[in-house]
């Protein structure tokens, strides 16, 4: 750091919204509708969020059948973006990423527990081959169906007979 004051005047993030299509990761949280106009958390999102450009989200995968691709979605009303998280106190926020897929979740809020989770997350962050990948996605064995806004649907999980 060139100036010591830098660390007191920033929260170590660029505060930029990035389209989930650019990030290439699980889009589930970015597609949430709670903060859109007319929804329950509308008052907690900014006007710039609600008026953000639409994002076309492709490459959605059925986590139960990874060879099955889901239809593309046009995310509007602020959906379809992730904002860079702050690096301040990052040691206390592991596991990392929006879906907690990088690092151990041990349920231990003590400093020792947080440090164990942080060390695990940093190892996975710096060495991607150590990440669990699709194994980090919670799966169901129950029959499930995804309903689209236009009324159509898609079966995303079928219960198989043993």
N, C-alpha and C. Protein backbone atom coordinates (compact mmCIF):
# COMPACT_ATOMS: atom_id res chain seq x y z
N UNK A 1 0.83 -1.18 0.00
CA UNK A 1 0.00 0.00 0.00
C UNK A 1 0.88 1.24 0.00
N UNK A 2 0.54 2.17 -0.84
CA UNK A 2 1.31 3.39 -0.91
C UNK A 2 0.97 4.32 0.24
N UNK A 3 -0.29 4.33 0.62
CA UNK A 3 -0.71 5.20 1.71
C UNK A 3 -1.32 4.35 2.82
N UNK A 4 -0.91 4.58 4.02
CA UNK A 4 -1.44 3.84 5.17
C UNK A 4 -2.93 4.09 5.34
N UNK A 5 -3.40 5.27 4.99
CA UNK A 5 -4.80 5.64 5.16
C UNK A 5 -5.73 4.83 4.24
N UNK A 6 -5.15 4.25 3.17
CA UNK A 6 -5.96 3.48 2.21
C UNK A 6 -6.85 2.45 2.90
N UNK A 7 -6.30 1.71 3.84
CA UNK A 7 -7.07 0.65 4.48
C UNK A 7 -8.17 1.19 5.38
N UNK A 8 -8.12 2.46 5.76
CA UNK A 8 -9.18 3.03 6.58
C UNK A 8 -10.27 3.67 5.74
N UNK A 9 -10.01 3.88 4.45
CA UNK A 9 -10.96 4.58 3.60
C UNK A 9 -11.62 3.69 2.55
N UNK A 10 -11.46 2.42 2.67
CA UNK A 10 -12.04 1.52 1.70
C UNK A 10 -12.54 0.27 2.40
N UNK A 11 -13.48 -0.42 1.76
CA UNK A 11 -13.89 -1.72 2.31
C UNK A 11 -13.41 -2.85 1.43
N UNK A 12 -12.41 -2.58 0.60
CA UNK A 12 -11.74 -3.59 -0.22
C UNK A 12 -12.70 -4.34 -1.15
N UNK A 13 -13.42 -3.58 -1.94
CA UNK A 13 -14.30 -4.15 -2.96
C UNK A 13 -14.44 -3.10 -4.05
N UNK A 14 -14.77 -3.53 -5.25
CA UNK A 14 -14.96 -2.56 -6.32
C UNK A 14 -16.42 -2.12 -6.46
N UNK A 15 -17.32 -2.77 -5.71
CA UNK A 15 -18.74 -2.40 -5.67
C UNK A 15 -19.39 -2.43 -7.07
N UNK A 16 -18.89 -3.31 -7.92
CA UNK A 16 -19.41 -3.43 -9.28
C UNK A 16 -20.34 -4.63 -9.36
N UNK A 17 -21.48 -4.45 -10.02
CA UNK A 17 -22.36 -5.59 -10.28
C UNK A 17 -21.86 -6.30 -11.53
N UNK A 18 -21.71 -7.60 -11.45
CA UNK A 18 -21.24 -8.38 -12.59
C UNK A 18 -22.32 -9.36 -13.00
N UNK A 19 -22.62 -9.43 -14.30
CA UNK A 19 -23.64 -10.38 -14.76
C UNK A 19 -23.23 -11.82 -14.44
N UNK A 20 -24.18 -12.60 -13.98
CA UNK A 20 -23.90 -14.00 -13.65
C UNK A 20 -23.41 -14.74 -14.88
N UNK A 21 -23.82 -14.31 -16.07
CA UNK A 21 -23.36 -14.95 -17.30
C UNK A 21 -21.85 -14.73 -17.49
N UNK A 22 -21.31 -13.65 -16.97
CA UNK A 22 -19.87 -13.37 -17.04
C UNK A 22 -19.09 -14.19 -16.01
N UNK A 23 -19.70 -14.43 -14.85
CA UNK A 23 -19.04 -15.15 -13.77
C UNK A 23 -19.00 -16.64 -14.04
N UNK A 24 -20.07 -17.18 -14.62
CA UNK A 24 -20.10 -18.60 -14.97
C UNK A 24 -20.21 -19.50 -13.77
N UNK A 25 -21.06 -19.16 -12.83
CA UNK A 25 -21.24 -19.97 -11.63
C UNK A 25 -22.73 -20.21 -11.40
N UNK A 26 -23.03 -20.90 -10.34
CA UNK A 26 -24.42 -21.19 -9.98
C UNK A 26 -25.21 -19.88 -9.93
N UNK A 27 -26.29 -19.80 -10.69
CA UNK A 27 -27.06 -18.56 -10.83
C UNK A 27 -28.22 -18.44 -9.87
N UNK A 28 -28.44 -19.41 -9.02
CA UNK A 28 -29.64 -19.46 -8.19
C UNK A 28 -29.90 -18.16 -7.42
N UNK A 29 -28.94 -17.71 -6.64
CA UNK A 29 -29.16 -16.51 -5.82
C UNK A 29 -29.33 -15.27 -6.68
N UNK A 30 -28.61 -15.19 -7.79
CA UNK A 30 -28.70 -14.02 -8.66
C UNK A 30 -30.06 -13.91 -9.33
N UNK A 31 -30.81 -14.99 -9.37
CA UNK A 31 -32.12 -14.97 -10.02
C UNK A 31 -33.28 -14.77 -9.03
N UNK A 32 -32.97 -14.52 -7.77
CA UNK A 32 -34.02 -14.30 -6.77
C UNK A 32 -34.85 -13.08 -7.13
N UNK A 33 -36.12 -13.11 -6.81
CA UNK A 33 -37.04 -12.03 -7.18
C UNK A 33 -37.46 -11.15 -6.01
N UNK A 34 -37.02 -11.43 -4.79
CA UNK A 34 -37.49 -10.72 -3.61
C UNK A 34 -37.33 -9.20 -3.66
N UNK A 35 -36.29 -8.68 -4.34
CA UNK A 35 -36.02 -7.25 -4.33
C UNK A 35 -36.59 -6.52 -5.54
N UNK A 36 -37.33 -7.21 -6.39
CA UNK A 36 -37.94 -6.57 -7.56
C UNK A 36 -39.12 -5.70 -7.14
N UNK A 37 -39.54 -4.83 -8.04
CA UNK A 37 -40.74 -4.00 -7.78
C UNK A 37 -41.93 -4.91 -7.48
N UNK A 38 -42.67 -4.52 -6.44
CA UNK A 38 -43.87 -5.28 -6.09
C UNK A 38 -43.61 -6.50 -5.23
N UNK A 39 -42.35 -6.75 -4.88
CA UNK A 39 -42.01 -7.92 -4.07
C UNK A 39 -41.71 -7.51 -2.62
N UNK A 40 -41.59 -8.49 -1.75
CA UNK A 40 -41.48 -8.26 -0.31
C UNK A 40 -40.32 -7.37 0.12
N UNK A 41 -39.15 -7.47 -0.55
CA UNK A 41 -37.97 -6.68 -0.16
C UNK A 41 -37.72 -5.52 -1.12
N UNK A 42 -38.74 -5.08 -1.82
CA UNK A 42 -38.61 -3.98 -2.79
C UNK A 42 -37.95 -2.74 -2.18
N UNK A 43 -38.33 -2.38 -0.98
CA UNK A 43 -37.81 -1.16 -0.34
C UNK A 43 -36.33 -1.27 0.04
N UNK A 44 -35.77 -2.47 0.01
CA UNK A 44 -34.38 -2.66 0.40
C UNK A 44 -33.44 -2.74 -0.80
N UNK A 45 -33.95 -2.49 -1.99
CA UNK A 45 -33.09 -2.47 -3.17
C UNK A 45 -33.15 -1.08 -3.80
N UNK A 46 -32.06 -0.67 -4.40
CA UNK A 46 -31.95 0.67 -4.98
C UNK A 46 -32.66 0.75 -6.32
N UNK A 47 -32.89 1.97 -6.75
CA UNK A 47 -33.49 2.19 -8.07
C UNK A 47 -32.52 1.73 -9.16
N UNK A 48 -31.22 1.92 -8.94
CA UNK A 48 -30.25 1.47 -9.95
C UNK A 48 -30.26 -0.06 -10.06
N UNK A 49 -30.52 -0.76 -8.94
CA UNK A 49 -30.66 -2.22 -8.98
C UNK A 49 -31.86 -2.60 -9.82
N UNK A 50 -33.01 -1.99 -9.54
CA UNK A 50 -34.25 -2.36 -10.23
C UNK A 50 -34.23 -2.02 -11.72
N UNK A 51 -33.42 -1.02 -12.09
CA UNK A 51 -33.39 -0.61 -13.50
C UNK A 51 -32.17 -1.13 -14.25
N UNK A 52 -31.44 -2.06 -13.66
CA UNK A 52 -30.26 -2.64 -14.33
C UNK A 52 -30.68 -3.35 -15.61
N UNK A 53 -29.78 -3.37 -16.57
CA UNK A 53 -30.05 -4.02 -17.85
C UNK A 53 -30.35 -5.50 -17.66
N UNK A 54 -31.20 -6.03 -18.51
CA UNK A 54 -31.53 -7.46 -18.46
C UNK A 54 -30.29 -8.29 -18.76
N UNK A 55 -30.23 -9.45 -18.14
CA UNK A 55 -29.11 -10.38 -18.34
C UNK A 55 -29.68 -11.69 -18.85
N UNK A 56 -29.13 -12.22 -19.93
CA UNK A 56 -29.55 -13.53 -20.43
C UNK A 56 -28.67 -14.58 -19.76
N UNK A 57 -29.31 -15.46 -19.01
CA UNK A 57 -28.60 -16.49 -18.26
C UNK A 57 -28.77 -17.82 -18.99
N UNK A 58 -27.67 -18.34 -19.46
CA UNK A 58 -27.68 -19.61 -20.18
C UNK A 58 -26.81 -20.62 -19.45
N UNK A 59 -26.86 -21.84 -19.89
CA UNK A 59 -26.00 -22.86 -19.32
C UNK A 59 -26.47 -23.37 -17.97
N UNK A 60 -27.74 -23.12 -17.62
CA UNK A 60 -28.26 -23.63 -16.36
C UNK A 60 -28.32 -25.14 -16.43
N UNK A 61 -27.90 -25.78 -15.35
CA UNK A 61 -27.78 -27.23 -15.32
C UNK A 61 -28.68 -27.81 -14.24
N UNK A 62 -29.31 -28.92 -14.54
CA UNK A 62 -30.06 -29.65 -13.54
C UNK A 62 -29.04 -30.36 -12.66
N UNK A 63 -28.96 -30.03 -11.35
CA UNK A 63 -27.92 -30.63 -10.51
C UNK A 63 -28.07 -32.14 -10.32
N UNK A 64 -29.26 -32.68 -10.56
CA UNK A 64 -29.45 -34.12 -10.44
C UNK A 64 -29.02 -34.87 -11.68
N UNK A 65 -29.15 -34.21 -12.82
CA UNK A 65 -28.79 -34.81 -14.11
C UNK A 65 -27.95 -33.78 -14.86
N UNK A 66 -26.67 -33.75 -14.62
CA UNK A 66 -25.81 -32.68 -15.13
C UNK A 66 -25.74 -32.61 -16.66
N UNK A 67 -26.18 -33.65 -17.33
CA UNK A 67 -26.20 -33.58 -18.80
C UNK A 67 -27.45 -32.85 -19.30
N UNK A 68 -28.42 -32.61 -18.43
CA UNK A 68 -29.66 -31.93 -18.81
C UNK A 68 -29.51 -30.43 -18.62
N UNK A 69 -29.56 -29.70 -19.71
CA UNK A 69 -29.47 -28.24 -19.67
C UNK A 69 -30.88 -27.67 -19.57
N UNK A 70 -31.05 -26.65 -18.72
CA UNK A 70 -32.33 -25.99 -18.56
C UNK A 70 -32.44 -24.83 -19.54
N UNK A 71 -33.64 -24.39 -19.86
CA UNK A 71 -33.80 -23.29 -20.82
C UNK A 71 -33.16 -22.00 -20.32
N UNK A 72 -32.74 -21.16 -21.26
CA UNK A 72 -32.17 -19.86 -20.91
C UNK A 72 -33.24 -18.99 -20.25
N UNK A 73 -32.81 -18.08 -19.38
CA UNK A 73 -33.71 -17.19 -18.66
C UNK A 73 -33.26 -15.76 -18.90
N UNK A 74 -34.22 -14.85 -19.12
CA UNK A 74 -33.90 -13.43 -19.19
C UNK A 74 -34.16 -12.83 -17.82
N UNK A 75 -33.11 -12.45 -17.13
CA UNK A 75 -33.23 -11.89 -15.78
C UNK A 75 -33.40 -10.38 -15.88
N UNK A 76 -34.51 -9.87 -15.37
CA UNK A 76 -34.82 -8.45 -15.43
C UNK A 76 -35.08 -7.90 -14.03
N UNK A 77 -35.26 -6.60 -13.93
CA UNK A 77 -35.62 -5.98 -12.65
C UNK A 77 -34.52 -6.01 -11.62
N UNK A 78 -33.26 -6.14 -12.05
CA UNK A 78 -32.14 -6.18 -11.13
C UNK A 78 -31.57 -7.57 -10.93
N UNK A 79 -32.31 -8.57 -11.34
CA UNK A 79 -31.82 -9.94 -11.17
C UNK A 79 -30.72 -10.23 -12.18
N UNK A 80 -29.94 -11.28 -11.90
CA UNK A 80 -28.93 -11.73 -12.84
C UNK A 80 -27.54 -11.20 -12.58
N UNK A 81 -27.34 -10.55 -11.45
CA UNK A 81 -26.04 -9.95 -11.13
C UNK A 81 -25.53 -10.44 -9.77
N UNK A 82 -24.20 -10.42 -9.61
CA UNK A 82 -23.55 -10.59 -8.32
C UNK A 82 -22.68 -9.36 -8.09
N UNK A 83 -22.61 -8.92 -6.86
CA UNK A 83 -21.76 -7.79 -6.49
C UNK A 83 -20.55 -8.35 -5.75
N UNK A 84 -19.39 -7.78 -6.03
CA UNK A 84 -18.16 -8.22 -5.39
C UNK A 84 -18.25 -8.01 -3.89
N UNK A 85 -18.02 -9.06 -3.14
CA UNK A 85 -18.07 -8.95 -1.68
C UNK A 85 -16.81 -8.25 -1.16
N UNK A 86 -16.94 -7.61 -0.02
CA UNK A 86 -15.81 -6.95 0.62
C UNK A 86 -14.82 -7.98 1.18
N UNK A 87 -13.55 -7.61 1.16
CA UNK A 87 -12.53 -8.48 1.73
C UNK A 87 -12.25 -8.16 3.20
N UNK A 88 -12.94 -7.16 3.74
CA UNK A 88 -12.76 -6.83 5.15
C UNK A 88 -13.27 -8.00 5.99
N UNK A 89 -12.47 -8.44 6.90
CA UNK A 89 -12.83 -9.55 7.79
C UNK A 89 -13.21 -10.83 7.04
N UNK A 90 -12.58 -11.04 5.90
CA UNK A 90 -12.92 -12.22 5.09
C UNK A 90 -12.70 -13.52 5.86
N UNK A 91 -11.78 -13.51 6.81
CA UNK A 91 -11.51 -14.73 7.59
C UNK A 91 -12.77 -15.20 8.32
N UNK A 92 -13.68 -14.28 8.63
CA UNK A 92 -14.88 -14.63 9.39
C UNK A 92 -16.04 -15.04 8.50
N UNK A 93 -15.86 -14.97 7.18
CA UNK A 93 -17.00 -15.21 6.29
C UNK A 93 -16.95 -16.53 5.55
N UNK A 94 -15.92 -17.33 5.78
CA UNK A 94 -15.82 -18.62 5.08
C UNK A 94 -16.95 -19.53 5.53
N UNK A 95 -17.45 -20.41 4.70
CA UNK A 95 -17.00 -20.68 3.33
C UNK A 95 -17.35 -19.53 2.39
N UNK A 96 -16.63 -19.47 1.26
CA UNK A 96 -16.74 -18.35 0.33
C UNK A 96 -17.76 -18.60 -0.78
N UNK A 97 -18.00 -17.54 -1.51
CA UNK A 97 -18.88 -17.43 -2.66
C UNK A 97 -20.35 -17.40 -2.22
N UNK A 98 -21.17 -17.03 -3.15
CA UNK A 98 -22.60 -16.83 -2.86
C UNK A 98 -23.30 -18.10 -2.42
N UNK A 99 -22.76 -19.25 -2.76
CA UNK A 99 -23.42 -20.51 -2.41
C UNK A 99 -22.61 -21.34 -1.42
N UNK A 100 -21.64 -20.71 -0.77
CA UNK A 100 -20.80 -21.38 0.23
C UNK A 100 -20.12 -22.64 -0.29
N UNK A 101 -19.77 -22.64 -1.57
CA UNK A 101 -19.21 -23.84 -2.18
C UNK A 101 -17.69 -23.95 -2.04
N UNK A 102 -17.03 -22.91 -1.56
CA UNK A 102 -15.58 -22.95 -1.43
C UNK A 102 -15.21 -22.85 0.05
N UNK A 103 -14.89 -23.99 0.62
CA UNK A 103 -14.50 -24.03 2.02
C UNK A 103 -15.42 -24.89 2.86
N UNK A 104 -14.92 -25.22 4.01
CA UNK A 104 -15.62 -26.06 4.97
C UNK A 104 -16.67 -25.26 5.73
N UNK A 105 -17.87 -25.79 5.83
CA UNK A 105 -18.84 -25.23 6.77
C UNK A 105 -18.84 -26.15 7.97
N UNK A 106 -18.38 -25.64 9.11
CA UNK A 106 -18.29 -26.49 10.29
C UNK A 106 -19.27 -26.09 11.39
N UNK A 107 -20.02 -25.01 11.20
CA UNK A 107 -21.02 -24.61 12.18
C UNK A 107 -20.43 -24.15 13.51
N UNK A 108 -19.15 -23.82 13.52
CA UNK A 108 -18.48 -23.41 14.76
C UNK A 108 -18.18 -21.92 14.71
N UNK A 109 -18.93 -21.08 15.45
CA UNK A 109 -18.74 -19.63 15.39
C UNK A 109 -17.56 -19.11 16.20
N UNK A 110 -16.84 -19.97 16.89
CA UNK A 110 -15.67 -19.52 17.66
C UNK A 110 -14.58 -19.04 16.70
N UNK A 111 -13.60 -18.29 17.22
CA UNK A 111 -12.48 -17.84 16.39
C UNK A 111 -11.75 -19.05 15.82
N UNK A 112 -11.54 -20.08 16.62
CA UNK A 112 -10.86 -21.28 16.13
C UNK A 112 -11.67 -21.94 15.00
N UNK A 113 -12.97 -22.01 15.17
CA UNK A 113 -13.84 -22.60 14.14
C UNK A 113 -13.84 -21.79 12.86
N UNK A 114 -13.88 -20.45 13.00
CA UNK A 114 -13.86 -19.57 11.82
C UNK A 114 -12.51 -19.69 11.11
N UNK A 115 -11.41 -19.77 11.86
CA UNK A 115 -10.09 -19.89 11.24
C UNK A 115 -9.94 -21.21 10.51
N UNK A 116 -10.49 -22.28 11.05
CA UNK A 116 -10.46 -23.59 10.37
C UNK A 116 -11.22 -23.49 9.05
N UNK A 117 -12.40 -22.86 9.08
CA UNK A 117 -13.20 -22.69 7.86
C UNK A 117 -12.46 -21.81 6.85
N UNK A 118 -11.82 -20.73 7.34
CA UNK A 118 -11.07 -19.83 6.47
C UNK A 118 -9.90 -20.55 5.79
N UNK A 119 -9.13 -21.30 6.56
CA UNK A 119 -7.99 -22.02 5.98
C UNK A 119 -8.44 -23.01 4.92
N UNK A 120 -9.54 -23.70 5.18
CA UNK A 120 -10.10 -24.62 4.19
C UNK A 120 -10.52 -23.87 2.92
N UNK A 121 -11.20 -22.74 3.11
CA UNK A 121 -11.67 -21.95 1.97
C UNK A 121 -10.52 -21.39 1.15
N UNK A 122 -9.49 -20.89 1.81
CA UNK A 122 -8.35 -20.34 1.08
C UNK A 122 -7.62 -21.43 0.29
N UNK A 123 -7.51 -22.63 0.86
CA UNK A 123 -6.90 -23.74 0.13
C UNK A 123 -7.69 -24.07 -1.12
N UNK A 124 -9.00 -24.07 -1.02
CA UNK A 124 -9.84 -24.36 -2.20
C UNK A 124 -9.83 -23.20 -3.19
N UNK A 125 -9.76 -21.98 -2.68
CA UNK A 125 -9.73 -20.82 -3.55
C UNK A 125 -8.45 -20.77 -4.37
N UNK A 126 -7.33 -21.05 -3.72
CA UNK A 126 -6.03 -20.98 -4.40
C UNK A 126 -5.71 -22.23 -5.23
N UNK A 127 -6.31 -23.37 -4.89
CA UNK A 127 -6.12 -24.61 -5.63
C UNK A 127 -7.48 -25.16 -6.03
N UNK A 128 -8.03 -24.71 -7.17
CA UNK A 128 -9.37 -25.10 -7.60
C UNK A 128 -9.60 -26.61 -7.66
N UNK A 129 -8.56 -27.37 -7.92
CA UNK A 129 -8.73 -28.83 -7.99
C UNK A 129 -9.15 -29.43 -6.64
N UNK A 130 -9.02 -28.67 -5.57
CA UNK A 130 -9.43 -29.15 -4.24
C UNK A 130 -10.91 -28.88 -3.93
N UNK A 131 -11.58 -28.17 -4.82
CA UNK A 131 -13.00 -27.84 -4.61
C UNK A 131 -13.89 -29.05 -4.87
N UNK A 132 -15.00 -29.14 -4.15
CA UNK A 132 -15.88 -30.31 -4.33
C UNK A 132 -16.72 -30.25 -5.61
N UNK A 133 -16.81 -29.11 -6.29
CA UNK A 133 -17.58 -29.00 -7.52
C UNK A 133 -19.05 -29.32 -7.31
N UNK A 134 -19.60 -30.17 -8.16
CA UNK A 134 -21.03 -30.50 -8.06
C UNK A 134 -21.40 -31.18 -6.76
N UNK A 135 -20.44 -31.76 -6.07
CA UNK A 135 -20.72 -32.40 -4.78
C UNK A 135 -21.16 -31.37 -3.74
N UNK A 136 -20.88 -30.07 -3.98
CA UNK A 136 -21.27 -29.04 -3.02
C UNK A 136 -22.73 -28.62 -3.18
N UNK A 137 -23.38 -29.11 -4.23
CA UNK A 137 -24.79 -28.74 -4.47
C UNK A 137 -25.70 -29.71 -3.75
N UNK A 138 -26.55 -29.17 -2.91
CA UNK A 138 -27.50 -30.02 -2.20
C UNK A 138 -28.48 -30.59 -3.21
N UNK A 139 -28.79 -31.87 -3.06
CA UNK A 139 -29.66 -32.55 -4.01
C UNK A 139 -30.84 -33.18 -3.30
N UNK A 140 -31.88 -33.37 -4.04
CA UNK A 140 -33.07 -34.02 -3.49
C UNK A 140 -33.27 -35.36 -4.17
N UNK A 141 -33.90 -36.26 -3.47
CA UNK A 141 -34.27 -37.53 -4.08
C UNK A 141 -35.77 -37.56 -4.30
N UNK A 142 -36.44 -36.47 -3.96
CA UNK A 142 -37.89 -36.38 -4.12
C UNK A 142 -38.24 -35.84 -5.50
N UNK A 143 -39.40 -36.23 -5.99
CA UNK A 143 -39.88 -35.72 -7.28
C UNK A 143 -40.06 -34.20 -7.16
N UNK A 144 -39.51 -33.45 -8.11
CA UNK A 144 -39.56 -31.98 -8.08
C UNK A 144 -39.87 -31.45 -9.47
N UNK A 145 -40.50 -30.28 -9.50
CA UNK A 145 -40.87 -29.66 -10.77
C UNK A 145 -40.59 -28.17 -10.69
N UNK A 146 -40.01 -27.61 -11.75
CA UNK A 146 -39.74 -26.18 -11.84
C UNK A 146 -40.83 -25.55 -12.70
N UNK A 147 -41.52 -24.56 -12.15
CA UNK A 147 -42.59 -23.88 -12.88
C UNK A 147 -42.09 -22.53 -13.41
N UNK A 148 -42.32 -22.26 -14.70
CA UNK A 148 -41.92 -21.00 -15.30
C UNK A 148 -43.07 -20.00 -15.21
N UNK A 149 -42.75 -18.69 -15.37
CA UNK A 149 -43.76 -17.65 -15.28
C UNK A 149 -44.86 -17.79 -16.32
N UNK A 150 -44.54 -18.36 -17.48
CA UNK A 150 -45.55 -18.50 -18.53
C UNK A 150 -46.49 -19.69 -18.30
N UNK A 151 -46.32 -20.38 -17.18
CA UNK A 151 -47.20 -21.51 -16.86
C UNK A 151 -46.65 -22.86 -17.25
N UNK A 152 -45.60 -22.88 -18.07
CA UNK A 152 -45.01 -24.17 -18.44
C UNK A 152 -44.14 -24.67 -17.29
N UNK A 153 -43.76 -25.91 -17.35
CA UNK A 153 -42.96 -26.48 -16.28
C UNK A 153 -41.97 -27.49 -16.80
N UNK A 154 -41.09 -27.90 -15.93
CA UNK A 154 -40.06 -28.85 -16.29
C UNK A 154 -39.79 -29.73 -15.08
N UNK A 155 -39.85 -31.03 -15.28
CA UNK A 155 -39.54 -31.96 -14.20
C UNK A 155 -38.04 -31.97 -14.02
N UNK A 156 -37.55 -31.64 -12.83
CA UNK A 156 -36.11 -31.58 -12.60
C UNK A 156 -35.59 -32.73 -11.76
N UNK A 157 -36.50 -33.50 -11.18
CA UNK A 157 -36.09 -34.68 -10.41
C UNK A 157 -37.22 -35.68 -10.38
N UNK A 158 -36.89 -36.90 -10.66
CA UNK A 158 -37.88 -37.98 -10.58
C UNK A 158 -37.41 -38.95 -9.52
N UNK A 159 -38.34 -39.44 -8.74
CA UNK A 159 -37.99 -40.41 -7.74
C UNK A 159 -37.87 -41.77 -8.44
N UNK A 160 -36.70 -42.38 -8.32
CA UNK A 160 -36.45 -43.65 -8.98
C UNK A 160 -36.80 -44.80 -8.06
N UNK A 161 -37.37 -45.84 -8.62
CA UNK A 161 -37.68 -47.04 -7.82
C UNK A 161 -36.39 -47.80 -7.56
N UNK A 162 -36.25 -48.32 -6.37
CA UNK A 162 -35.05 -49.09 -6.01
C UNK A 162 -35.09 -50.48 -6.53
